[in-house]
Protein backbone atom coordinates (compact mmCIF):
# COMPACT_ATOMS: atom_id res chain seq x y z
CA MET A 1 -1.50 -9.75 74.72
CA THR A 2 -1.75 -6.04 74.17
CA TRP A 3 -1.41 -5.06 77.85
CA LYS A 4 1.21 -2.48 78.75
CA PRO A 5 2.23 -1.63 82.29
CA ILE A 6 1.14 1.67 83.65
CA THR A 7 3.89 4.29 83.96
CA SER A 8 4.85 5.82 87.23
CA ASP A 9 3.76 9.26 85.90
CA ALA A 10 0.34 7.96 84.94
CA LEU A 11 0.01 6.29 88.47
CA ASP A 12 1.09 9.46 90.17
CA ALA A 13 -1.61 11.41 88.20
CA MET A 14 -4.24 8.85 89.22
CA ILE A 15 -3.24 9.07 92.89
CA GLU A 16 -3.32 12.85 92.80
CA ALA A 17 -6.79 12.88 91.31
CA ALA A 18 -7.96 10.43 93.95
CA GLU A 19 -6.48 12.52 96.79
CA PHE A 20 -8.46 15.50 95.40
CA GLU A 21 -11.65 13.50 95.84
CA MET A 22 -10.98 12.13 99.32
CA GLU A 23 -12.97 13.52 102.28
CA PRO A 24 -10.73 14.97 104.98
CA PRO A 25 -10.70 12.00 107.38
CA VAL A 26 -9.97 9.63 104.57
CA LEU A 27 -7.21 11.88 103.26
CA LEU A 28 -5.67 12.09 106.68
CA PHE A 29 -5.69 8.23 107.00
CA TRP A 30 -4.36 7.88 103.44
CA LYS A 31 -1.43 10.24 104.21
CA THR A 32 -0.40 8.10 107.18
CA LEU A 33 -0.08 4.84 105.16
CA ARG A 34 0.93 5.90 101.65
CA ILE A 35 4.43 5.34 100.34
CA ARG A 36 6.19 6.38 97.21
CA PRO A 37 4.91 3.84 94.69
CA VAL A 38 7.33 0.95 94.25
CA LYS A 39 7.01 -2.28 92.27
CA TRP A 40 6.49 -5.47 94.21
CA ASN A 41 6.60 -8.97 92.81
CA LEU A 42 3.54 -11.18 92.42
CA SER A 43 4.32 -14.07 90.13
CA PRO A 44 3.22 -15.08 87.63
CA TRP A 45 0.67 -12.26 87.04
CA GLY A 46 3.00 -9.36 87.44
CA ASP A 47 6.04 -10.90 85.74
CA LEU A 48 5.49 -9.28 82.38
CA GLY A 49 5.31 -5.77 83.84
CA GLY A 50 8.07 -6.16 86.37
CA GLY A 51 5.59 -6.36 89.24
CA PHE A 52 2.75 -4.29 90.42
CA TRP A 53 2.85 -0.74 91.95
CA VAL A 54 2.43 -0.81 95.78
CA VAL A 55 1.17 2.58 96.97
CA ALA A 56 0.58 2.06 100.67
CA VAL A 57 1.36 -0.30 103.57
CA ILE A 58 -0.30 -0.86 106.89
CA GLY A 59 0.50 -3.87 109.12
CA ASP A 60 0.64 -6.88 107.01
CA ARG A 61 -1.35 -5.39 104.20
CA CYS A 62 -0.35 -3.59 101.07
CA PHE A 63 -2.52 -1.47 98.72
CA TRP A 64 -1.46 -1.97 95.16
CA TYR A 65 -2.54 -1.08 91.59
CA ASN A 66 -3.32 -3.95 89.29
CA ASP A 67 -2.78 -2.41 85.90
CA ILE A 68 -3.94 -5.51 84.09
CA GLU A 69 -7.41 -5.11 85.60
CA GLU A 70 -7.13 -1.35 86.12
CA GLY A 71 -8.01 -1.24 89.77
CA PHE A 72 -6.65 -1.09 93.33
CA ASN A 73 -6.39 -4.07 95.65
CA ILE A 74 -5.49 -4.81 99.17
CA SER A 75 -3.43 -7.91 99.83
CA ARG A 76 -1.42 -9.51 102.59
CA TYR A 77 2.35 -9.68 102.43
CA GLU A 78 4.96 -11.39 104.58
CA ALA A 79 8.19 -9.92 103.09
CA VAL A 80 8.58 -6.41 101.72
CA GLY A 81 8.62 -6.53 97.91
CA GLN A 82 6.41 -9.62 97.67
CA ILE A 83 2.61 -9.46 97.36
CA GLN A 84 1.04 -12.72 98.61
CA GLU A 85 -2.45 -12.64 97.14
CA TYR A 86 -3.61 -11.72 93.62
CA GLY A 87 -6.56 -9.44 93.37
CA CYS A 88 -8.45 -8.46 90.28
CA ASN A 89 -10.68 -5.75 91.64
CA GLN A 90 -11.35 -2.71 89.45
CA THR A 91 -11.64 -0.42 92.47
CA GLU A 92 -10.80 3.28 92.52
CA LEU A 93 -8.21 4.31 95.17
CA ASP A 94 -10.50 6.51 96.99
CA HIS A 95 -13.08 3.63 97.36
CA CYS A 96 -10.38 1.15 98.34
CA ILE A 97 -9.07 3.44 101.17
CA ARG A 98 -12.65 4.33 102.36
CA SER A 99 -13.66 0.71 102.52
CA PHE A 100 -10.48 -0.31 104.41
CA LEU A 101 -10.94 2.59 106.78
CA ALA A 102 -14.56 1.78 107.44
CA ASP A 103 -13.72 -1.82 108.25
CA LEU A 104 -10.93 -0.70 110.57
CA MET A 105 -13.29 1.76 112.36
CA ARG A 106 -15.88 -0.96 112.89
CA GLN A 107 -13.28 -3.23 114.34
CA LEU A 108 -12.22 -0.43 116.80
CA GLY A 109 -15.86 0.20 117.75
CA TYR A 110 -16.41 3.44 115.93
CA GLY A 111 -19.34 3.83 113.63
CA SER A 112 -17.32 5.85 111.03
CA ALA A 113 -13.99 7.61 110.39
CA THR A 114 -15.74 10.87 111.24
CA ASP A 115 -16.76 9.47 114.69
CA ALA A 116 -13.12 8.50 115.33
CA VAL A 117 -11.71 12.02 114.49
CA GLY A 118 -14.51 13.83 116.30
CA GLU A 119 -15.96 15.77 113.42
């Protein structure tokens, strides 16, 4: 296998680029749930790289970067430091956040994030 885990510097650059592209309501939402990236376990897939980088947490969900598949995922967790579900999406961070926010807004009865913030 020729895969090498992404470095924290490369991940930070990817997050910064995604933040630049986010629309204001999405960026505001992102800023409320992001955390400093930290590696969480997800065995056996993440074992070789020491885990996967979790970049945000909300409720029982974590947003993490799968550097094997090169995309962001949202998975459940029960204990901090342990991702429950493997995901192999190749989703950009901005799209991942927008999709989650749109689902949340629909569940709350809003048509969009813009409706929720009154823009």
